[in-house]
Amino acid sequence: MSRIIRTEASPILSKAVEYHGFVYTMGVVARDTSGDITAQTKDILEQIDALLETHGTDNTRLLQAQIWLTDISYREAMNKVWTAWLPEGLAPVRACVEAKLADPAYLVEIMITACR
């Protein structure tokens, strides 16, 4: 049976799960919700970098991204940060939708699937 590695598991979720060389992150939200969409997106991507590093991978190995915005009009500003973070030519498949998030202070939430 293959080993499942869970990072910072709590009673309701793990920050990341690795199985067969695939890394799945939780839906990551900003630690500081006082910032605008640009600040929150930067914070989220820093957290994702750390989670991927914990599992021996990075943003050059992204497979899929799911992005939820509280207002789809934030998409352009979020994409500026997103595209600056992505290595050129290595964009994953992606969905980006407007959604009501768990806390109204969250403007964006991002979930990643990557491989090692």
PDB file of N, CA and C in Angstrom:
ATOM      1  N   MET A   1       0.846  -1.180   0.000  1.00  0.00           N
ATOM      2  CA  MET A   1       0.000   0.000   0.000  1.00  0.00           C
ATOM      3  C   MET A   1       0.892   1.244   0.000  1.00  0.00           C
ATOM      4  N   SER A   2       0.549   2.222  -0.811  1.00  0.00           N
ATOM      5  CA  SER A   2       1.329   3.449  -0.921  1.00  0.00           C
ATOM      6  C   SER A   2       1.114   4.345   0.292  1.00  0.00           C
ATOM      7  N   ARG A   3       2.171   5.034   0.626  1.00  0.00           N
ATOM      8  CA  ARG A   3       2.158   5.938   1.776  1.00  0.00           C
ATOM      9  C   ARG A   3       1.469   7.254   1.423  1.00  0.00           C
ATOM     10  N   ILE A   4       0.642   7.758   2.319  1.00  0.00           N
ATOM     11  CA  ILE A   4       0.011   9.068   2.190  1.00  0.00           C
ATOM     12  C   ILE A   4       0.661   9.977   3.220  1.00  0.00           C
ATOM     13  N   ILE A   5       1.184  11.112   2.764  1.00  0.00           N
ATOM     14  CA  ILE A   5       1.845  12.070   3.660  1.00  0.00           C
ATOM     15  C   ILE A   5       0.920  13.272   3.829  1.00  0.00           C
ATOM     16  N   ARG A   6       0.570  13.573   5.073  1.00  0.00           N
ATOM     17  CA  ARG A   6      -0.310  14.699   5.376  1.00  0.00           C
ATOM     18  C   ARG A   6       0.496  15.768   6.114  1.00  0.00           C
ATOM     19  N   THR A   7       0.394  17.002   5.658  1.00  0.00           N
ATOM     20  CA  THR A   7       1.117  18.115   6.255  1.00  0.00           C
ATOM     21  C   THR A   7       0.180  18.920   7.141  1.00  0.00           C
ATOM     22  N   GLU A   8       0.566  19.057   8.411  1.00  0.00           N
ATOM     23  CA  GLU A   8      -0.190  19.837   9.392  1.00  0.00           C
ATOM     24  C   GLU A   8      -1.671  19.474   9.388  1.00  0.00           C
ATOM     25  N   ALA A   9      -1.933  18.203   9.596  1.00  0.00           N
ATOM     26  CA  ALA A   9      -3.312  17.720   9.632  1.00  0.00           C
ATOM     27  C   ALA A   9      -4.026  18.217  10.885  1.00  0.00           C
ATOM     28  N   SER A  10      -5.246  18.663  10.700  1.00  0.00           N
ATOM     29  CA  SER A  10      -6.106  19.063  11.819  1.00  0.00           C
ATOM     30  C   SER A  10      -7.321  18.146  11.797  1.00  0.00           C
ATOM     31  N   PRO A  11      -8.251  18.317  12.725  1.00  0.00           N
ATOM     32  CA  PRO A  11      -9.441  17.463  12.694  1.00  0.00           C
ATOM     33  C   PRO A  11     -10.289  17.608  11.415  1.00  0.00           C
ATOM     34  N   ILE A  12     -10.157  18.758  10.706  1.00  0.00           N
ATOM     35  CA  ILE A  12     -11.007  18.940   9.526  1.00  0.00           C
ATOM     36  C   ILE A  12     -10.265  18.979   8.192  1.00  0.00           C
ATOM     37  N   LEU A  13      -8.949  19.224   8.196  1.00  0.00           N
ATOM     38  CA  LEU A  13      -8.214  19.269   6.933  1.00  0.00           C
ATOM     39  C   LEU A  13      -6.723  19.197   7.172  1.00  0.00           C
ATOM     40  N   SER A  14      -6.006  18.879   6.102  1.00  0.00           N
ATOM     41  CA  SER A  14      -4.551  18.954   6.086  1.00  0.00           C
ATOM     42  C   SER A  14      -4.180  20.114   5.186  1.00  0.00           C
ATOM     43  N   LYS A  15      -3.030  20.753   5.463  1.00  0.00           N
ATOM     44  CA  LYS A  15      -2.599  21.849   4.592  1.00  0.00           C
ATOM     45  C   LYS A  15      -2.182  21.327   3.225  1.00  0.00           C
ATOM     46  N   ALA A  16      -1.656  20.109   3.187  1.00  0.00           N
ATOM     47  CA  ALA A  16      -1.316  19.449   1.926  1.00  0.00           C
ATOM     48  C   ALA A  16      -1.328  17.948   2.152  1.00  0.00           C
ATOM     49  N   VAL A  17      -1.552  17.233   1.064  1.00  0.00           N
ATOM     50  CA  VAL A  17      -1.504  15.770   1.086  1.00  0.00           C
ATOM     51  C   VAL A  17      -0.692  15.329  -0.123  1.00  0.00           C
ATOM     52  N   GLU A  18       0.236  14.396   0.121  1.00  0.00           N
ATOM     53  CA  GLU A  18       1.037  13.840  -0.970  1.00  0.00           C
ATOM     54  C   GLU A  18       0.747  12.361  -1.094  1.00  0.00           C
ATOM     55  N   TYR A  19       0.555  11.917  -2.340  1.00  0.00           N
ATOM     56  CA  TYR A  19       0.285  10.514  -2.615  1.00  0.00           C
ATOM     57  C   TYR A  19       0.830  10.180  -3.998  1.00  0.00           C
ATOM     58  N   HIS A  20       1.656   9.163  -4.087  1.00  0.00           N
ATOM     59  CA  HIS A  20       2.234   8.730  -5.367  1.00  0.00           C
ATOM     60  C   HIS A  20       2.926   9.870  -6.114  1.00  0.00           C
ATOM     61  N   GLY A  21       3.567  10.781  -5.382  1.00  0.00           N
ATOM     62  CA  GLY A  21       4.286  11.874  -6.021  1.00  0.00           C
ATOM     63  C   GLY A  21       3.432  13.054  -6.431  1.00  0.00           C
ATOM     64  N   PHE A  22       2.149  13.002  -6.140  1.00  0.00           N
ATOM     65  CA  PHE A  22       1.258  14.129  -6.398  1.00  0.00           C
ATOM     66  C   PHE A  22       1.018  14.871  -5.094  1.00  0.00           C
ATOM     67  N   VAL A  23       1.026  16.192  -5.157  1.00  0.00           N
ATOM     68  CA  VAL A  23       0.813  17.037  -3.983  1.00  0.00           C
ATOM     69  C   VAL A  23      -0.449  17.860  -4.200  1.00  0.00           C
ATOM     70  N   TYR A  24      -1.361  17.763  -3.248  1.00  0.00           N
ATOM     71  CA  TYR A  24      -2.627  18.479  -3.287  1.00  0.00           C
ATOM     72  C   TYR A  24      -2.647  19.459  -2.114  1.00  0.00           C
ATOM     73  N   THR A  25      -2.839  20.739  -2.392  1.00  0.00           N
ATOM     74  CA  THR A  25      -2.904  21.698  -1.287  1.00  0.00           C
ATOM     75  C   THR A  25      -4.353  21.939  -0.887  1.00  0.00           C
ATOM     76  N   MET A  26      -4.504  22.427   0.315  1.00  0.00           N
ATOM     77  CA  MET A  26      -5.811  22.904   0.750  1.00  0.00           C
ATOM     78  C   MET A  26      -6.145  24.158  -0.057  1.00  0.00           C
ATOM     79  N   GLY A  27      -7.349  24.652   0.078  1.00  0.00           N
ATOM     80  CA  GLY A  27      -7.676  25.966  -0.453  1.00  0.00           C
ATOM     81  C   GLY A  27      -6.988  26.986   0.440  1.00  0.00           C
ATOM     82  N   VAL A  28      -5.984  27.668  -0.090  1.00  0.00           N
ATOM     83  CA  VAL A  28      -5.166  28.584   0.703  1.00  0.00           C
ATOM     84  C   VAL A  28      -5.762  29.988   0.628  1.00  0.00           C
ATOM     85  N   VAL A  29      -5.886  30.612   1.802  1.00  0.00           N
ATOM     86  CA  VAL A  29      -6.385  31.986   1.905  1.00  0.00           C
ATOM     87  C   VAL A  29      -5.322  32.851   2.567  1.00  0.00           C
ATOM     88  N   ALA A  30      -5.479  34.151   2.459  1.00  0.00           N
ATOM     89  CA  ALA A  30      -4.503  35.086   3.021  1.00  0.00           C
ATOM     90  C   ALA A  30      -4.472  35.005   4.543  1.00  0.00           C
ATOM     91  N   ARG A  31      -3.271  35.128   5.098  1.00  0.00           N
ATOM     92  CA  ARG A  31      -3.122  35.200   6.552  1.00  0.00           C
ATOM     93  C   ARG A  31      -3.552  36.571   7.052  1.00  0.00           C
ATOM     94  N   ASP A  32      -3.261  37.599   6.261  1.00  0.00           N
ATOM     95  CA  ASP A  32      -3.626  38.980   6.604  1.00  0.00           C
ATOM     96  C   ASP A  32      -4.719  39.419   5.636  1.00  0.00           C
ATOM     97  N   THR A  33      -5.926  39.522   6.141  1.00  0.00           N
ATOM     98  CA  THR A  33      -7.063  39.850   5.280  1.00  0.00           C
ATOM     99  C   THR A  33      -7.288  41.352   5.135  1.00  0.00           C
ATOM    100  N   SER A  34      -6.393  42.161   5.687  1.00  0.00           N
ATOM    101  CA  SER A  34      -6.566  43.609   5.565  1.00  0.00           C
ATOM    102  C   SER A  34      -6.101  44.125   4.201  1.00  0.00           C
ATOM    103  N   GLY A  35      -5.355  43.294   3.463  1.00  0.00           N
ATOM    104  CA  GLY A  35      -4.828  43.715   2.167  1.00  0.00           C
ATOM    105  C   GLY A  35      -5.839  43.610   1.044  1.00  0.00           C
ATOM    106  N   ASP A  36      -5.507  44.250  -0.074  1.00  0.00           N
ATOM    107  CA  ASP A  36      -6.350  44.182  -1.266  1.00  0.00           C
ATOM    108  C   ASP A  36      -6.107  42.857  -1.986  1.00  0.00           C
ATOM    109  N   ILE A  37      -6.706  42.681  -3.161  1.00  0.00           N
ATOM    110  CA  ILE A  37      -6.574  41.427  -3.898  1.00  0.00           C
ATOM    111  C   ILE A  37      -5.123  41.128  -4.254  1.00  0.00           C
ATOM    112  N   THR A  38      -4.346  42.146  -4.577  1.00  0.00           N
ATOM    113  CA  THR A  38      -2.935  41.953  -4.902  1.00  0.00           C
ATOM    114  C   THR A  38      -2.169  41.425  -3.698  1.00  0.00           C
ATOM    115  N   ALA A  39      -2.343  42.061  -2.559  1.00  0.00           N
ATOM    116  CA  ALA A  39      -1.644  41.634  -1.336  1.00  0.00           C
ATOM    117  C   ALA A  39      -2.075  40.233  -0.915  1.00  0.00           C
ATOM    118  N   GLN A  40      -3.370  39.959  -0.970  1.00  0.00           N
ATOM    119  CA  GLN A  40      -3.848  38.634  -0.562  1.00  0.00           C
ATOM    120  C   GLN A  40      -3.328  37.551  -1.505  1.00  0.00           C
ATOM    121  N   THR A  41      -3.313  37.831  -2.798  1.00  0.00           N
ATOM    122  CA  THR A  41      -2.805  36.839  -3.751  1.00  0.00           C
ATOM    123  C   THR A  41      -1.324  36.572  -3.513  1.00  0.00           C
ATOM    124  N   LYS A  42      -0.528  37.605  -3.299  1.00  0.00           N
ATOM    125  CA  LYS A  42       0.901  37.420  -3.012  1.00  0.00           C
ATOM    126  C   LYS A  42       1.101  36.566  -1.771  1.00  0.00           C
ATOM    127  N   ASP A  43       0.330  36.836  -0.727  1.00  0.00           N
ATOM    128  CA  ASP A  43       0.426  36.074   0.515  1.00  0.00           C
ATOM    129  C   ASP A  43       0.090  34.599   0.267  1.00  0.00           C
ATOM    130  N   ILE A  44      -0.959  34.357  -0.469  1.00  0.00           N
ATOM    131  CA  ILE A  44      -1.372  32.986  -0.768  1.00  0.00           C
ATOM    132  C   ILE A  44      -0.289  32.246  -1.550  1.00  0.00           C
ATOM    133  N   LEU A  45       0.266  32.889  -2.562  1.00  0.00           N
ATOM    134  CA  LEU A  45       1.292  32.233  -3.372  1.00  0.00           C
ATOM    135  C   LEU A  45       2.566  31.968  -2.574  1.00  0.00           C
ATOM    136  N   GLU A  46       2.897  32.827  -1.623  1.00  0.00           N
ATOM    137  CA  GLU A  46       4.023  32.560  -0.717  1.00  0.00           C
ATOM    138  C   GLU A  46       3.748  31.313   0.115  1.00  0.00           C
ATOM    139  N   GLN A  47       2.525  31.175   0.595  1.00  0.00           N
ATOM    140  CA  GLN A  47       2.163  29.991   1.376  1.00  0.00           C
ATOM    141  C   GLN A  47       2.210  28.731   0.516  1.00  0.00           C
ATOM    142  N   ILE A  48       1.741  28.845  -0.717  1.00  0.00           N
ATOM    143  CA  ILE A  48       1.781  27.697  -1.624  1.00  0.00           C
ATOM    144  C   ILE A  48       3.226  27.308  -1.914  1.00  0.00           C
ATOM    145  N   ASP A  49       4.101  28.284  -2.136  1.00  0.00           N
ATOM    146  CA  ASP A  49       5.523  27.982  -2.325  1.00  0.00           C
ATOM    147  C   ASP A  49       6.062  27.168  -1.159  1.00  0.00           C
ATOM    148  N   ALA A  50       5.727  27.577   0.056  1.00  0.00           N
ATOM    149  CA  ALA A  50       6.215  26.874   1.251  1.00  0.00           C
ATOM    150  C   ALA A  50       5.665  25.452   1.323  1.00  0.00           C
ATOM    151  N   LEU A  51       4.387  25.277   1.021  1.00  0.00           N
ATOM    152  CA  LEU A  51       3.799  23.936   1.042  1.00  0.00           C
ATOM    153  C   LEU A  51       4.453  23.040  -0.008  1.00  0.00           C
ATOM    154  N   LEU A  52       4.640  23.569  -1.193  1.00  0.00           N
ATOM    155  CA  LEU A  52       5.278  22.776  -2.247  1.00  0.00           C
ATOM    156  C   LEU A  52       6.708  22.414  -1.869  1.00  0.00           C
ATOM    157  N   GLU A  53       7.436  23.365  -1.297  1.00  0.00           N
ATOM    158  CA  GLU A  53       8.813  23.103  -0.865  1.00  0.00           C
ATOM    159  C   GLU A  53       8.855  22.003   0.187  1.00  0.00           C
ATOM    160  N   THR A  54       7.918  22.013   1.105  1.00  0.00           N
ATOM    161  CA  THR A  54       7.832  20.973   2.131  1.00  0.00           C
ATOM    162  C   THR A  54       7.753  19.584   1.503  1.00  0.00           C
ATOM    163  N   HIS A  55       7.123  19.514   0.342  1.00  0.00           N
ATOM    164  CA  HIS A  55       6.946  18.231  -0.340  1.00  0.00           C
ATOM    165  C   HIS A  55       7.938  18.018  -1.473  1.00  0.00           C
ATOM    166  N   GLY A  56       9.006  18.828  -1.506  1.00  0.00           N
ATOM    167  CA  GLY A  56      10.078  18.609  -2.461  1.00  0.00           C
ATOM    168  C   GLY A  56       9.751  18.984  -3.893  1.00  0.00           C
ATOM    169  N   THR A  57       8.864  19.966  -4.057  1.00  0.00           N
ATOM    170  CA  THR A  57       8.526  20.400  -5.408  1.00  0.00           C
ATOM    171  C   THR A  57       8.386  21.922  -5.429  1.00  0.00           C
ATOM    172  N   ASP A  58       7.976  22.459  -6.558  1.00  0.00           N
ATOM    173  CA  ASP A  58       7.825  23.913  -6.670  1.00  0.00           C
ATOM    174  C   ASP A  58       6.846  24.255  -7.784  1.00  0.00           C
ATOM    175  N   ASN A  59       6.733  25.554  -8.081  1.00  0.00           N
ATOM    176  CA  ASN A  59       5.722  25.979  -9.052  1.00  0.00           C
ATOM    177  C   ASN A  59       6.086  25.674 -10.503  1.00  0.00           C
ATOM    178  N   THR A  60       7.216  25.010 -10.739  1.00  0.00           N
ATOM    179  CA  THR A  60       7.518  24.526 -12.091  1.00  0.00           C
ATOM    180  C   THR A  60       6.840  23.186 -12.359  1.00  0.00           C
ATOM    181  N   ARG A  61       6.224  22.605 -11.337  1.00  0.00           N
ATOM    182  CA  ARG A  61       5.621  21.270 -11.431  1.00  0.00           C
ATOM    183  C   ARG A  61       4.104  21.303 -11.208  1.00  0.00           C
ATOM    184  N   LEU A  62       3.481  22.451 -11.425  1.00  0.00           N
ATOM    185  CA  LEU A  62       2.037  22.587 -11.229  1.00  0.00           C
ATOM    186  C   LEU A  62       1.264  21.835 -12.304  1.00  0.00           C
ATOM    187  N   LEU A  63       0.188  21.189 -11.886  1.00  0.00           N
ATOM    188  CA  LEU A  63      -0.689  20.492 -12.818  1.00  0.00           C
ATOM    189  C   LEU A  63      -2.039  21.193 -12.947  1.00  0.00           C
ATOM    190  N   GLN A  64      -2.583  21.627 -11.811  1.00  0.00           N
ATOM    191  CA  GLN A  64      -3.928  22.197 -11.796  1.00  0.00           C
ATOM    192  C   GLN A  64      -4.037  23.267 -10.722  1.00  0.00           C
ATOM    193  N   ALA A  65      -4.846  24.277 -11.002  1.00  0.00           N
ATOM    194  CA  ALA A  65      -5.160  25.311 -10.014  1.00  0.00           C
ATOM    195  C   ALA A  65      -6.655  25.581 -10.042  1.00  0.00           C
ATOM    196  N   GLN A  66      -7.196  25.759  -8.864  1.00  0.00           N
ATOM    197  CA  GLN A  66      -8.586  26.190  -8.724  1.00  0.00           C
ATOM    198  C   GLN A  66      -8.553  27.488  -7.941  1.00  0.00           C
ATOM    199  N   ILE A  67      -9.182  28.520  -8.499  1.00  0.00           N
ATOM    200  CA  ILE A  67      -9.156  29.847  -7.886  1.00  0.00           C
ATOM    201  C   ILE A  67     -10.577  30.339  -7.705  1.00  0.00           C
ATOM    202  N   TRP A  68     -10.853  30.787  -6.492  1.00  0.00           N
ATOM    203  CA  TRP A  68     -12.154  31.364  -6.176  1.00  0.00           C
ATOM    204  C   TRP A  68     -11.953  32.824  -5.796  1.00  0.00           C
ATOM    205  N   LEU A  69     -12.703  33.698  -6.423  1.00  0.00           N
ATOM    206  CA  LEU A  69     -12.674  35.139  -6.141  1.00  0.00           C
ATOM    207  C   LEU A  69     -14.030  35.564  -5.603  1.00  0.00           C
ATOM    208  N   THR A  70     -14.032  36.453  -4.621  1.00  0.00           N
ATOM    209  CA  THR A  70     -15.320  36.932  -4.111  1.00  0.00           C
ATOM    210  C   THR A  70     -16.003  37.865  -5.093  1.00  0.00           C
ATOM    211  N   ASP A  71     -15.210  38.434  -6.001  1.00  0.00           N
ATOM    212  CA  ASP A  71     -15.745  39.311  -7.038  1.00  0.00           C
ATOM    213  C   ASP A  71     -14.926  39.071  -8.298  1.00  0.00           C
ATOM    214  N   ILE A  72     -15.562  38.613  -9.359  1.00  0.00           N
ATOM    215  CA  ILE A  72     -14.836  38.260 -10.580  1.00  0.00           C
ATOM    216  C   ILE A  72     -14.116  39.465 -11.180  1.00  0.00           C
ATOM    217  N   SER A  73     -14.510  40.665 -10.790  1.00  0.00           N
ATOM    218  CA  SER A  73     -13.804  41.863 -11.282  1.00  0.00           C
ATOM    219  C   SER A  73     -12.374  41.940 -10.733  1.00  0.00           C
ATOM    220  N   TYR A  74     -12.035  41.138  -9.715  1.00  0.00           N
ATOM    221  CA  TYR A  74     -10.668  41.077  -9.182  1.00  0.00           C
ATOM    222  C   TYR A  74      -9.741  40.236 -10.068  1.00  0.00           C
ATOM    223  N   ARG A  75     -10.311  39.565 -11.057  1.00  0.00           N
ATOM    224  CA  ARG A  75      -9.548  38.609 -11.867  1.00  0.00           C
ATOM    225  C   ARG A  75      -8.312  39.239 -12.515  1.00  0.00           C
ATOM    226  N   GLU A  76      -8.451  40.400 -13.098  1.00  0.00           N
ATOM    227  CA  GLU A  76      -7.312  41.028 -13.776  1.00  0.00           C
ATOM    228  C   GLU A  76      -6.167  41.321 -12.806  1.00  0.00           C
ATOM    229  N   ALA A  77      -6.478  41.894 -11.644  1.00  0.00           N
ATOM    230  CA  ALA A  77      -5.440  42.211 -10.658  1.00  0.00           C
ATOM    231  C   ALA A  77      -4.811  40.932 -10.107  1.00  0.00           C
ATOM    232  N   MET A  78      -5.629  39.921  -9.847  1.00  0.00           N
ATOM    233  CA  MET A  78      -5.100  38.643  -9.354  1.00  0.00           C
ATOM    234  C   MET A  78      -4.213  38.012 -10.421  1.00  0.00           C
ATOM    235  N   ASN A  79      -4.628  38.069 -11.698  1.00  0.00           N
ATOM    236  CA  ASN A  79      -3.837  37.483 -12.791  1.00  0.00           C
ATOM    237  C   ASN A  79      -2.473  38.138 -12.937  1.00  0.00           C
ATOM    238  N   LYS A  80      -2.353  39.420 -12.630  1.00  0.00           N
ATOM    239  CA  LYS A  80      -1.044  40.084 -12.699  1.00  0.00           C
ATOM    240  C   LYS A  80      -0.067  39.440 -11.722  1.00  0.00           C
ATOM    241  N   VAL A  81      -0.529  39.170 -10.520  1.00  0.00           N
ATOM    242  CA  VAL A  81       0.317  38.524  -9.511  1.00  0.00           C
ATOM    243  C   VAL A  81       0.559  37.066  -9.906  1.00  0.00           C
ATOM    244  N   TRP A  82      -0.485  36.393 -10.328  1.00  0.00           N
ATOM    245  CA  TRP A  82      -0.413  34.989 -10.719  1.00  0.00           C
ATOM    246  C   TRP A  82       0.598  34.779 -11.845  1.00  0.00           C
ATOM    247  N   THR A  83       0.507  35.576 -12.919  1.00  0.00           N
ATOM    248  CA  THR A  83       1.406  35.386 -14.060  1.00  0.00           C
ATOM    249  C   THR A  83       2.851  35.754 -13.726  1.00  0.00           C
ATOM    250  N   ALA A  84       3.050  36.709 -12.829  1.00  0.00           N
ATOM    251  CA  ALA A  84       4.410  37.049 -12.391  1.00  0.00           C
ATOM    252  C   ALA A  84       5.017  35.900 -11.582  1.00  0.00           C
ATOM    253  N   TRP A  85       4.186  35.148 -10.881  1.00  0.00           N
ATOM    254  CA  TRP A  85       4.634  34.032 -10.045  1.00  0.00           C
ATOM    255  C   TRP A  85       4.920  32.775 -10.869  1.00  0.00           C
ATOM    256  N   LEU A  86       4.165  32.571 -11.934  1.00  0.00           N
ATOM    257  CA  LEU A  86       4.326  31.363 -12.746  1.00  0.00           C
ATOM    258  C   LEU A  86       5.594  31.420 -13.594  1.00  0.00           C
ATOM    259  N   PRO A  87       6.336  30.323 -13.660  1.00  0.00           N
ATOM    260  CA  PRO A  87       7.448  30.265 -14.601  1.00  0.00           C
ATOM    261  C   PRO A  87       6.891  30.303 -16.034  1.00  0.00           C
ATOM    262  N   GLU A  88       7.562  31.016 -16.908  1.00  0.00           N
ATOM    263  CA  GLU A  88       7.089  31.175 -18.284  1.00  0.00           C
ATOM    264  C   GLU A  88       6.915  29.828 -18.977  1.00  0.00           C
ATOM    265  N   GLY A  89       5.768  29.664 -19.593  1.00  0.00           N
ATOM    266  CA  GLY A  89       5.476  28.446 -20.340  1.00  0.00           C
ATOM    267  C   GLY A  89       5.053  27.258 -19.503  1.00  0.00           C
ATOM    268  N   LEU A  90       4.881  27.435 -18.208  1.00  0.00           N
ATOM    269  CA  LEU A  90       4.577  26.302 -17.327  1.00  0.00           C
ATOM    270  C   LEU A  90       3.236  26.462 -16.598  1.00  0.00           C
ATOM    271  N   ALA A  91       2.305  27.154 -17.200  1.00  0.00           N
ATOM    272  CA  ALA A  91       0.997  27.349 -16.564  1.00  0.00           C
ATOM    273  C   ALA A  91       0.235  26.023 -16.459  1.00  0.00           C
ATOM    274  N   PRO A  92      -0.429  25.790 -15.318  1.00  0.00           N
ATOM    275  CA  PRO A  92      -1.243  24.585 -15.167  1.00  0.00           C
ATOM    276  C   PRO A  92      -2.617  24.780 -15.820  1.00  0.00           C
ATOM    277  N   VAL A  93      -3.400  23.717 -15.887  1.00  0.00           N
ATOM    278  CA  VAL A  93      -4.810  23.905 -16.209  1.00  0.00           C
ATOM    279  C   VAL A  93      -5.409  24.663 -15.031  1.00  0.00           C
ATOM    280  N   ARG A  94      -6.478  25.424 -15.296  1.00  0.00           N
ATOM    281  CA  ARG A  94      -6.966  26.287 -14.225  1.00  0.00           C
ATOM    282  C   ARG A  94      -8.443  26.589 -14.388  1.00  0.00           C
ATOM    283  N   ALA A  95      -9.105  26.734 -13.256  1.00  0.00           N
ATOM    284  CA  ALA A  95     -10.462  27.261 -13.208  1.00  0.00           C
ATOM    285  C   ALA A  95     -10.427  28.483 -12.300  1.00  0.00           C
ATOM    286  N   CYS A  96     -11.162  29.506 -12.666  1.00  0.00           N
ATOM    287  CA  CYS A  96     -11.243  30.726 -11.853  1.00  0.00           C
ATOM    288  C   CYS A  96     -12.696  31.176 -11.870  1.00  0.00           C
ATOM    289  N   VAL A  97     -13.321  31.162 -10.696  1.00  0.00           N
ATOM    290  CA  VAL A  97     -14.742  31.477 -10.608  1.00  0.00           C
ATOM    291  C   VAL A  97     -15.025  32.451  -9.471  1.00  0.00           C
ATOM    292  N   GLU A  98     -16.162  33.084  -9.537  1.00  0.00           N
ATOM    293  CA  GLU A  98     -16.635  33.931  -8.443  1.00  0.00           C
ATOM    294  C   GLU A  98     -17.384  33.051  -7.460  1.00  0.00           C
ATOM    295  N   ALA A  99     -17.124  33.249  -6.172  1.00  0.00           N
ATOM    296  CA  ALA A  99     -17.761  32.431  -5.141  1.00  0.00           C
ATOM    297  C   ALA A  99     -17.814  33.189  -3.820  1.00  0.00           C
ATOM    298  N   LYS A 100     -18.749  32.803  -3.002  1.00  0.00           N
ATOM    299  CA  LYS A 100     -18.818  33.313  -1.635  1.00  0.00           C
ATOM    300  C   LYS A 100     -17.874  32.458  -0.794  1.00  0.00           C
ATOM    301  N   LEU A 101     -16.884  33.091  -0.151  1.00  0.00           N
ATOM    302  CA  LEU A 101     -15.899  32.354   0.639  1.00  0.00           C
ATOM    303  C   LEU A 101     -16.323  32.285   2.101  1.00  0.00           C
ATOM    304  N   ALA A 102     -15.617  31.480   2.882  1.00  0.00           N
ATOM    305  CA  ALA A 102     -15.983  31.201   4.268  1.00  0.00           C
ATOM    306  C   ALA A 102     -16.002  32.439   5.159  1.00  0.00           C
ATOM    307  N   ASP A 103     -15.151  33.406   4.862  1.00  0.00           N
ATOM    308  CA  ASP A 103     -15.078  34.648   5.635  1.00  0.00           C
ATOM    309  C   ASP A 103     -15.141  35.805   4.637  1.00  0.00           C
ATOM    310  N   PRO A 104     -15.996  36.782   4.860  1.00  0.00           N
ATOM    311  CA  PRO A 104     -16.111  37.890   3.901  1.00  0.00           C
ATOM    312  C   PRO A 104     -14.814  38.691   3.721  1.00  0.00           C
ATOM    313  N   ALA A 105     -13.878  38.572   4.648  1.00  0.00           N
ATOM    314  CA  ALA A 105     -12.600  39.283   4.529  1.00  0.00           C
ATOM    315  C   ALA A 105     -11.688  38.639   3.491  1.00  0.00           C
ATOM    316  N   TYR A 106     -11.916  37.362   3.179  1.00  0.00           N
ATOM    317  CA  TYR A 106     -11.126  36.689   2.154  1.00  0.00           C
ATOM    318  C   TYR A 106     -11.592  37.165   0.784  1.00  0.00           C
ATOM    319  N   LEU A 107     -10.655  37.578  -0.051  1.00  0.00           N
ATOM    320  CA  LEU A 107     -10.981  38.022  -1.410  1.00  0.00           C
ATOM    321  C   LEU A 107     -10.690  36.952  -2.446  1.00  0.00           C
ATOM    322  N   VAL A 108      -9.800  36.024  -2.088  1.00  0.00           N
ATOM    323  CA  VAL A 108      -9.372  34.983  -3.017  1.00  0.00           C
ATOM    324  C   VAL A 108      -8.947  33.733  -2.237  1.00  0.00           C
ATOM    325  N   GLU A 109      -9.158  32.582  -2.852  1.00  0.00           N
ATOM    326  CA  GLU A 109      -8.698  31.303  -2.298  1.00  0.00           C
ATOM    327  C   GLU A 109      -8.152  30.490  -3.478  1.00  0.00           C
ATOM    328  N   ILE A 110      -7.006  29.864  -3.260  1.00  0.00           N
ATOM    329  CA  ILE A 110      -6.360  29.109  -4.332  1.00  0.00           C
ATOM    330  C   ILE A 110      -5.979  27.713  -3.845  1.00  0.00           C
ATOM    331  N   MET A 111      -6.299  26.714  -4.670  1.00  0.00           N
ATOM    332  CA  MET A 111      -5.951  25.319  -4.394  1.00  0.00           C
ATOM    333  C   MET A 111      -5.114  24.811  -5.562  1.00  0.00           C
ATOM    334  N   ILE A 112      -4.043  24.098  -5.262  1.00  0.00           N
ATOM    335  CA  ILE A 112      -3.078  23.636  -6.268  1.00  0.00           C
ATOM    336  C   ILE A 112      -2.928  22.118  -6.215  1.00  0.00           C
ATOM    337  N   THR A 113      -2.735  21.529  -7.380  1.00  0.00           N
ATOM    338  CA  THR A 113      -2.248  20.155  -7.497  1.00  0.00           C
ATOM    339  C   THR A 113      -0.926  20.224  -8.258  1.00  0.00           C
ATOM    340  N   ALA A 114       0.092  19.579  -7.713  1.00  0.00           N
ATOM    341  CA  ALA A 114       1.411  19.562  -8.336  1.00  0.00           C
ATOM    342  C   ALA A 114       1.974  18.146  -8.258  1.00  0.00           C
ATOM    343  N   CYS A 115       3.084  17.937  -8.915  1.00  0.00           N
ATOM    344  CA  CYS A 115       3.776  16.658  -8.788  1.00  0.00           C
ATOM    345  C   CYS A 115       5.219  16.904  -8.362  1.00  0.00           C
ATOM    346  N   ARG A 116       5.829  15.871  -7.862  1.00  0.00           N
ATOM    347  CA  ARG A 116       7.238  15.981  -7.423  1.00  0.00           C
ATOM    348  C   ARG A 116       8.158  15.849  -8.607  1.00  0.00           C
TER     349      ARG A 116
END
